[in-house]
Protein backbone atom coordinates (compact mmCIF):
# COMPACT_ATOMS: atom_id res chain seq x y z
CA MET A 1 176.25 99.55 149.06
CA LYS A 2 173.55 102.09 149.88
CA VAL A 3 173.44 105.09 147.56
CA LEU A 4 171.49 108.23 148.37
CA LEU A 5 170.52 110.21 145.27
CA PHE A 6 169.41 113.84 145.64
CA SER A 7 167.61 115.51 142.73
CA HIS A 8 165.12 118.37 142.64
CA GLY A 9 163.33 120.18 139.84
CA THR A 10 161.23 119.33 136.85
CA ARG A 11 160.71 115.81 135.52
CA GLY A 12 163.74 116.30 133.26
CA ASP A 13 165.90 116.90 136.35
CA VAL A 14 164.62 113.84 138.19
CA GLN A 15 164.05 111.12 135.60
CA PRO A 16 167.79 110.54 134.92
CA PHE A 17 168.30 109.98 138.65
CA ALA A 18 165.52 107.40 138.61
CA ALA A 19 167.37 105.72 135.73
CA LEU A 20 170.60 105.66 137.75
CA ALA A 21 168.74 104.30 140.79
CA ARG A 22 167.30 101.54 138.60
CA ALA A 23 170.79 100.67 137.26
CA LEU A 24 172.18 100.54 140.80
CA THR A 25 169.31 98.34 141.93
CA HIS A 26 169.91 95.95 139.03
CA ALA A 27 173.58 95.79 140.09
CA GLY A 28 172.54 94.61 143.55
CA HIS A 29 172.76 97.87 145.49
CA GLU A 30 170.24 99.79 147.57
CA ALA A 31 169.30 103.10 145.97
CA VAL A 32 167.20 105.81 147.62
CA LEU A 33 165.83 108.51 145.32
CA ALA A 34 165.17 111.74 147.24
CA THR A 35 163.33 114.34 145.19
CA ASN A 36 160.12 116.35 144.77
CA ALA A 37 157.25 114.57 146.50
CA PRO A 38 154.92 114.65 143.42
CA LEU A 39 157.46 112.71 141.33
CA ALA A 40 157.24 109.49 143.34
CA HIS A 41 155.65 107.85 140.29
CA LEU A 42 159.07 107.87 138.61
CA ALA A 43 160.40 105.47 141.28
CA GLU A 44 157.50 103.25 142.28
CA PRO A 45 157.12 101.11 139.10
CA TYR A 46 160.77 100.04 139.34
CA GLY A 47 160.81 99.13 143.02
CA ILE A 48 163.07 102.09 143.84
CA ARG A 49 162.89 103.39 147.39
CA PHE A 50 161.59 106.97 147.39
CA ALA A 51 162.15 109.77 149.91
CA PRO A 52 160.12 112.97 149.41
CA LEU A 53 161.54 116.48 149.43
CA PHE A 54 159.49 119.66 149.66
CA ASP A 55 158.41 120.66 146.16
CA ARG A 56 159.23 124.27 145.44
CA TYR A 57 158.60 123.83 141.72
CA ASP A 58 154.97 122.93 142.20
CA THR A 59 154.58 125.96 144.47
CA LEU A 60 156.15 128.36 141.99
CA SER A 61 154.82 126.91 138.73
CA ASN A 62 152.23 129.66 138.26
CA ASP A 63 154.28 132.52 139.72
CA PRO A 64 154.37 135.36 137.13
CA VAL A 65 157.96 136.28 138.05
CA VAL A 66 159.09 132.70 137.45
CA ARG A 67 157.25 132.51 134.13
CA ALA A 68 158.64 135.85 132.95
CA GLY A 69 162.19 134.87 133.91
CA TYR A 70 161.97 131.61 132.03
CA GLU A 71 160.45 133.31 128.99
CA THR A 72 163.33 135.82 128.71
CA ASN A 73 166.09 133.46 129.93
CA PHE A 74 166.94 136.27 132.38
CA ARG A 75 168.48 138.41 129.63
CA GLY A 76 169.29 142.08 130.07
CA LEU A 77 168.76 144.35 133.06
CA ARG A 78 165.13 143.28 133.43
CA GLY A 79 166.25 139.66 133.43
CA LYS A 80 168.71 140.34 136.27
CA ARG A 81 165.94 141.97 138.30
CA LEU A 82 163.75 138.94 137.64
CA ALA A 83 166.57 136.64 138.78
CA ALA A 84 166.93 138.58 142.03
CA ALA A 85 163.18 138.36 142.62
CA LEU A 86 163.28 134.66 141.83
CA PHE A 87 166.03 134.07 144.40
CA ARG A 88 163.94 135.85 147.04
CA ARG A 89 161.13 133.39 146.35
CA TYR A 90 163.41 130.35 146.15
CA GLN A 91 165.45 130.76 149.32
CA PRO A 92 162.74 130.21 151.98
CA MET A 93 161.50 127.17 150.07
CA MET A 94 165.01 125.81 149.63
CA ALA A 95 165.48 126.02 153.39
CA ARG A 96 162.67 123.45 153.69
CA VAL A 97 164.31 121.28 151.02
CA LEU A 98 167.63 121.36 152.88
CA ASP A 99 166.01 120.33 156.15
CA ASP A 100 164.35 117.40 154.36
CA MET A 101 167.72 116.41 152.91
CA ALA A 102 169.32 116.42 156.35
CA ALA A 103 166.55 114.22 157.79
CA ILE A 104 166.94 111.72 154.95
CA GLY A 105 170.70 111.75 155.41
CA ASP A 106 170.24 110.74 159.05
CA GLU A 107 169.31 107.27 157.79
CA GLY A 108 172.87 106.80 156.53
CA ALA A 109 174.45 105.88 153.19
CA ASP A 110 177.71 104.67 151.70
CA LEU A 111 177.64 107.24 148.91
CA VAL A 112 175.78 110.43 148.01
CA VAL A 113 175.04 111.46 144.41
CA HIS A 114 173.52 114.89 143.86
CA LEU A 115 172.67 117.64 141.42
CA PRO A 116 174.85 120.77 141.53
CA ASN A 117 171.98 122.89 142.92
CA LEU A 118 171.69 120.69 146.02
CA PRO A 119 174.47 120.56 148.64
CA GLY A 120 174.55 116.78 148.78
CA HIS A 121 178.32 116.93 149.25
CA GLU A 122 177.73 118.43 152.69
CA ILE A 123 175.39 115.56 153.61
CA ALA A 124 178.19 113.21 152.52
CA GLU A 125 180.68 115.17 154.61
CA ARG A 126 178.45 114.72 157.65
CA LEU A 127 178.20 110.98 157.00
CA GLY A 128 181.91 110.63 156.27
CA VAL A 129 181.27 109.04 152.86
CA PRO A 130 182.18 109.96 149.26
CA ALA A 131 180.01 112.25 147.14
CA ALA A 132 179.63 112.34 143.37
CA LEU A 133 178.28 115.28 141.42
CA ALA A 134 175.81 114.37 138.66
CA CYS A 135 175.51 117.02 135.94
CA LEU A 136 172.67 116.85 133.45
CA GLN A 137 174.09 119.72 131.39
CA PRO A 138 177.64 120.75 130.46
CA GLY A 139 177.56 123.93 132.55
CA TRP A 140 179.38 123.05 135.73
CA VAL A 141 182.97 121.94 135.02
CA PRO A 142 185.05 124.65 133.32
CA THR A 143 186.41 123.99 129.84
CA SER A 144 188.10 126.22 127.31
CA ALA A 145 186.28 124.47 124.46
CA PHE A 146 183.05 126.47 124.84
CA ALA A 147 181.44 129.05 127.10
CA ASN A 148 179.06 128.05 129.86
CA PRO A 149 175.85 126.92 128.10
CA LEU A 150 173.77 127.95 131.12
CA ILE A 151 174.29 131.68 130.65
CA PRO A 152 172.53 133.68 127.90
CA LEU A 153 175.60 135.59 126.73
CA ARG A 154 178.06 135.40 123.86
CA LEU A 155 181.60 135.67 125.19
CA PRO A 156 185.10 135.89 123.67
CA ARG A 157 186.85 132.50 123.71
CA PRO A 158 189.47 133.60 126.32
CA LEU A 159 186.58 133.99 128.81
CA ASN A 160 185.20 130.49 128.30
CA ARG A 161 186.62 129.04 131.50
CA ALA A 162 185.76 132.05 133.62
CA SER A 163 182.12 131.90 132.48
CA TYR A 164 181.54 128.74 134.54
CA LEU A 165 181.79 130.74 137.76
CA THR A 166 178.28 132.03 137.01
CA SER A 167 176.79 128.55 137.56
CA ARG A 168 178.12 128.46 141.11
CA LEU A 169 176.89 131.99 141.73
CA TRP A 170 173.45 130.96 140.47
CA VAL A 171 173.37 128.05 142.92
CA HIS A 172 174.45 130.30 145.77
CA GLY A 173 171.68 132.72 144.83
CA GLN A 174 169.08 129.97 144.97
CA LEU A 175 170.28 128.47 148.24
CA GLY A 176 171.11 131.68 150.06
CA ASN A 177 173.37 131.53 153.12
CA THR A 178 173.58 127.89 154.17
CA SER A 179 175.99 128.50 157.05
CA ARG A 180 173.22 128.13 159.67
CA TRP A 181 172.03 124.88 158.11
CA ARG A 182 175.57 123.52 158.03
CA ARG A 183 176.22 124.51 161.66
CA ASP A 184 172.88 123.93 163.39
CA VAL A 185 171.36 121.11 161.34
CA LEU A 186 174.36 119.16 160.03
CA ASP A 187 176.55 119.96 163.07
CA LEU A 188 179.53 120.57 160.81
CA PRO A 189 182.32 123.08 161.55
CA ARG A 190 183.03 126.03 159.32
CA ARG A 191 185.67 125.34 156.71
CA ARG A 192 186.95 127.14 153.67
CA GLY A 193 185.46 125.94 150.39
CA SER A 194 182.56 124.07 151.97
CA ARG A 195 180.19 125.33 149.27
CA ASN A 196 182.37 124.21 146.36
CA MET A 197 180.71 121.01 145.09
CA LEU A 198 183.72 120.28 142.84
CA ARG A 199 186.05 119.73 145.84
CA ARG A 200 186.02 117.16 148.63
CA PRO A 201 186.60 118.25 152.23
CA ASP A 202 190.28 117.30 151.90
CA GLY A 203 190.63 119.56 148.85
CA ALA A 204 190.86 116.77 146.28
CA ALA A 205 188.64 116.80 143.20
CA THR A 206 185.14 115.38 143.40
CA THR A 207 184.09 112.65 140.98
CA VAL A 208 181.78 114.21 138.39
CA LEU A 209 179.35 112.20 136.27
CA HIS A 210 178.16 113.88 133.07
CA ALA A 211 174.76 112.31 132.43
CA PHE A 212 174.84 113.15 128.75
CA SER A 213 176.61 111.99 125.63
CA ARG A 214 180.03 113.06 124.40
CA HIS A 215 178.33 113.38 121.01
CA LEU A 216 176.51 116.44 122.36
CA LEU A 217 179.81 118.28 122.84
CA PRO A 218 182.27 119.88 120.45
CA GLU A 219 185.44 117.91 119.79
CA ARG A 220 188.58 118.31 121.90
CA THR A 221 187.05 119.16 125.25
CA ASP A 222 189.67 119.40 127.96
CA TYR A 223 187.88 117.91 130.95
CA PRO A 224 190.12 116.51 133.70
CA SER A 225 190.31 112.79 134.48
CA TRP A 226 187.84 113.01 137.36
CA VAL A 227 185.05 114.01 134.95
CA HIS A 228 183.28 111.09 133.29
CA THR A 229 180.91 111.69 130.36
CA THR A 230 178.91 108.48 130.54
CA GLY A 231 176.14 108.93 128.01
CA PHE A 232 172.52 109.76 128.78
CA TRP A 233 170.74 108.00 131.63
CA PHE A 234 167.57 106.53 130.13
CA LEU A 235 164.56 105.34 132.11
CA PRO A 236 162.42 102.94 130.05
CA ALA A 237 158.64 103.00 130.14
CA PRO A 238 157.27 101.31 133.30
CA PRO A 239 157.04 97.52 132.95
CA GLN A 240 153.25 97.44 133.16
CA TRP A 241 152.64 100.58 131.08
CA THR A 242 150.33 100.33 128.08
CA PRO A 243 149.43 103.19 125.73
CA PRO A 244 145.94 104.65 125.79
CA ALA A 245 143.83 102.91 123.17
CA SER A 246 142.92 106.29 121.62
CA LEU A 247 146.60 107.18 121.09
CA ASP A 248 147.36 103.75 119.67
CA ARG A 249 144.48 104.12 117.22
CA PHE A 250 145.66 107.60 116.20
CA LEU A 251 149.18 106.39 115.46
CA ARG A 252 147.88 103.53 113.32
CA ALA A 253 145.35 105.67 111.43
CA GLY A 254 147.75 107.30 108.96
CA GLU A 255 151.28 108.42 108.17
CA PRO A 256 153.63 108.84 111.16
CA PRO A 257 152.84 112.14 112.89
CA VAL A 258 155.27 114.70 114.24
CA TYR A 259 155.70 115.12 117.99
CA LEU A 260 155.43 118.61 119.51
CA GLY A 261 156.10 119.46 123.16
CA PHE A 262 157.86 122.21 125.07
CA GLY A 263 158.57 120.43 128.34
CA SER A 264 157.56 120.87 131.95
CA VAL A 265 158.39 124.56 132.38
CA ALA A 266 155.62 126.88 131.26
CA GLY A 267 156.26 130.21 129.60
CA THR A 268 154.22 133.34 130.10
CA ASP A 269 151.68 132.59 127.37
CA PRO A 270 151.01 128.89 126.83
CA VAL A 271 147.76 129.73 125.00
CA HIS A 272 149.75 131.65 122.38
CA ALA A 273 152.13 128.70 122.09
CA GLY A 274 149.13 126.45 121.51
CA HIS A 275 147.85 128.69 118.69
CA VAL A 276 151.31 128.74 117.05
CA VAL A 277 151.57 124.95 117.22
CA ALA A 278 148.03 124.40 115.91
CA GLU A 279 148.55 126.75 112.95
CA ALA A 280 151.99 125.31 112.16
CA VAL A 281 150.58 121.80 112.01
CA ARG A 282 147.82 123.00 109.70
CA LEU A 283 150.25 124.84 107.41
CA ALA A 284 152.60 121.87 107.24
CA GLY A 285 149.73 119.53 106.44
CA MET A 286 150.94 117.04 109.05
CA ARG A 287 149.39 114.88 111.70
CA ALA A 288 150.73 115.62 115.18
CA VAL A 289 150.92 114.30 118.72
CA VAL A 290 151.11 117.31 121.04
CA VAL A 291 152.19 116.75 124.66
CA THR A 292 151.22 119.71 126.83
CA GLY A 293 153.48 118.83 129.77
CA SER A 294 152.91 121.07 132.79
CA GLY A 295 151.66 123.99 130.77
CA GLY A 296 154.24 124.84 128.11
CA ILE A 297 151.52 124.45 125.47
CA SER A 298 147.84 125.03 126.19
CA ALA A 299 145.51 122.36 124.84
CA GLU A 300 142.74 124.91 124.33
CA PRO A 301 143.63 125.95 120.74
CA LEU A 302 144.37 122.38 119.64
CA SER A 303 141.58 120.48 117.94
CA GLY A 304 140.81 118.46 114.86
CA GLY A 305 141.29 114.92 113.71
CA ASN A 306 144.90 115.50 112.70
CA VAL A 307 146.05 116.38 116.26
CA PHE A 308 146.20 114.11 119.30
CA VAL A 309 146.70 115.89 122.65
CA ALA A 310 148.23 114.17 125.68
CA GLU A 311 149.60 115.38 129.02
CA GLU A 312 152.55 112.97 128.99
CA THR A 313 153.65 109.77 127.26
CA PRO A 314 156.87 107.72 127.63
CA PHE A 315 159.21 109.06 124.96
CA ASP A 316 161.07 105.79 124.46
CA TRP A 317 157.77 104.26 123.30
CA LEU A 318 156.43 107.23 121.33
CA PHE A 319 159.41 108.72 119.49
CA PRO A 320 160.31 105.69 117.34
CA GLN A 321 156.80 105.99 115.88
CA VAL A 322 156.94 109.66 114.83
CA ALA A 323 158.42 111.33 111.76
CA ALA A 324 160.16 114.15 113.64
CA VAL A 325 160.44 115.57 117.16
CA VAL A 326 159.71 119.26 117.78
CA HIS A 327 160.78 120.33 121.26
CA HIS A 328 162.37 122.97 123.48
CA GLY A 329 165.85 121.49 123.78
CA GLY A 330 165.66 120.17 127.32
CA ALA A 331 167.98 117.28 128.09
CA GLY A 332 165.24 114.70 128.63
CA THR A 333 163.41 115.24 125.36
CA LEU A 334 166.65 115.79 123.47
CA SER A 335 168.18 112.52 124.64
CA ALA A 336 165.03 110.54 123.81
CA ALA A 337 164.86 112.08 120.33
CA LEU A 338 168.51 111.21 119.74
CA ALA A 339 168.10 107.64 120.95
CA ALA A 340 165.06 107.20 118.69
CA GLY A 341 167.08 108.36 115.68
CA ARG A 342 164.55 110.99 114.68
CA PRO A 343 165.21 114.38 113.04
CA GLN A 344 164.50 117.33 115.29
CA VAL A 345 163.19 120.89 115.31
CA ILE A 346 164.35 122.68 118.46
CA CYS A 347 162.67 125.85 119.79
CA PRO A 348 164.82 126.88 122.79
CA PHE A 349 164.00 129.52 125.36
CA MET A 350 166.14 129.11 128.52
CA TYR A 351 169.28 127.76 130.21
CA GLU A 352 171.23 125.22 128.09
CA GLN A 353 168.50 124.85 125.47
CA PRO A 354 170.05 127.31 122.94
CA PHE A 355 173.37 125.44 123.27
CA ASN A 356 171.66 122.10 122.69
CA ALA A 357 169.78 123.46 119.68
CA ALA A 358 172.99 124.79 118.13
CA ARG A 359 174.85 121.54 118.77
CA MET A 360 172.12 119.37 117.22
CA HIS A 361 172.04 121.61 114.15
CA ALA A 362 175.84 121.34 113.89
CA ALA A 363 175.57 117.56 114.25
CA GLY A 364 173.22 117.44 111.28
CA VAL A 365 170.18 116.01 113.10
CA ALA A 366 168.14 119.19 113.54
CA THR A 367 167.02 122.18 111.52
CA ALA A 368 168.37 125.64 112.41
CA PRO A 369 167.28 126.68 115.94
CA LEU A 370 163.96 128.51 116.23
CA PRO A 371 164.06 130.57 119.46
CA GLN A 372 160.66 130.73 121.09
CA SER A 373 161.00 134.48 121.52
CA THR A 374 160.62 134.91 117.73
CA LEU A 375 158.66 131.76 116.91
CA THR A 376 155.84 132.01 114.39
CA ALA A 377 153.55 129.42 112.89
CA GLU A 378 155.05 130.01 109.45
CA LYS A 379 158.64 129.46 110.65
CA LEU A 380 157.66 126.37 112.61
CA ALA A 381 155.72 124.87 109.70
CA ALA A 382 158.66 125.36 107.34
CA ALA A 383 161.06 123.73 109.81
CA ILE A 384 158.71 120.77 110.33
CA GLU A 385 158.45 120.25 106.58
CA ARG A 386 162.23 120.28 106.23
CA ALA A 387 162.74 117.89 109.16
CA VAL A 388 160.32 115.40 107.64
CA ASP A 389 161.37 115.75 103.99
CA ASP A 390 165.18 116.13 104.15
CA PRO A 391 166.70 112.64 103.85
CA ALA A 392 170.10 113.86 105.06
CA LEU A 393 168.62 114.80 108.44
CA THR A 394 166.94 111.41 108.77
CA VAL A 395 170.07 109.43 107.83
CA ARG A 396 172.29 111.38 110.20
CA ALA A 397 169.72 111.09 113.01
CA GLN A 398 169.66 107.32 112.58
CA GLU A 399 173.47 107.13 112.61
CA LEU A 400 173.77 109.25 115.74
CA GLY A 401 170.92 107.35 117.39
CA ALA A 402 172.85 104.09 117.12
CA LEU A 403 175.87 105.70 118.82
CA ILE A 404 173.73 107.15 121.61
CA ARG A 405 172.01 103.84 122.34
CA ALA A 406 175.35 102.02 122.52
CA GLU A 407 176.65 104.20 125.38
CA ASN A 408 174.44 102.68 128.14
CA GLY A 409 175.10 105.67 130.35
CA ALA A 410 173.26 104.70 133.55
CA ALA A 411 175.00 101.31 133.79
CA THR A 412 178.37 102.97 133.13
CA ALA A 413 177.68 105.51 135.88
CA ALA A 414 176.73 102.73 138.32
CA GLU A 415 180.04 100.96 137.65
CA LEU A 416 181.98 104.17 138.26
CA LEU A 417 180.19 104.66 141.58
CA GLU A 418 181.07 101.13 142.64
CA THR A 419 184.73 101.92 141.95
CA LEU A 420 184.49 105.19 143.87
CA VAL A 421 183.19 103.47 147.02
CA ALA A 422 185.67 100.61 146.70
CA ASP A 423 188.59 103.06 146.35
CA GLY A 424 187.34 104.99 149.36
CA ALA A 425 187.18 101.82 151.44
CA ARG A 426 190.78 100.93 150.54
CA THR A 427 192.07 104.33 151.66
CA HIS A 428 190.45 104.14 155.12
């Protein structure tokens, strides 16, 4: 079968889709990964066919409104004004993304898999094939077990289910009115519920793949049978990848260092973040590998023989060699830290990151969350020392790591997609 996979965003949004494409390819299927043009390097080493989409994230990466919104997680009245301004910037760019999606869809597919913020289900409707929704965070299918992790509010438990409506509203705000695109580009008729990615055109439930582990969630979630929590989708280091000799020498030159990195989304003051990290490492008396990503931490303040600075490094290779992982709580870094069985220090600042930080602390693999809005070098140094020195954190991290690795999420997701297409064929 031919599977068209639509993703769009930061590396953390796209890399799991590359992992699923790789699993589908290994199972004998044709997978096409359609995503931001600059992320083609995630597909090429694995022989995955790549289709570029317009990259709004690269365009907006230095926009002060975007940075300020991310820094505050859109809290309060100012945060809502920032969100409205962000939508005004997003919508014209998303129109270009949607047109690219339609052109790629013209090449046909037997199945469409997509992120919630991309209307891949409407491409599938045009092609007359099934669609599956791939969720990288638990913020899209309502549950009474916990409130929507994607919103920065504390809510009474009776409102847990209702809180998930905000995710759909957020997507609608980013996309704007897609009626013209549906009518003029996809040549589809108007129909009620066409924007609801959780429902097929006939009103039945859409297959949802949760690309994360059940161990991330509280117990007794009440997801329906059409939701499958497969485990994380891991993409191994490229087959021909070798570490830089300088990094290899640094790792061998002393005790295991700590890893520090705050992901691909930059805050408003990455230089300040760099100073906090540099001072925390000094206070903790640790060696450190600092990955700057796309600007979350500035390399400028970082220097000295006890710190190695890199732009990016495959986590599945690096994390087993460090003493602890200090990160922002994004799904990609979180999953790699879990799989490596390493204790964590999580410094969240947006979207589901506070939820992830709280869950990892509750699971016994991370210190108490350190929100970036109140982060200091002294707090970070103390948390690093505890993560490295507390044997209970290390033991629990190793136990949970073994469970995470056993899930084999991408292969499980590929098998579910095979069943979905086979079932669809039998009903036609």
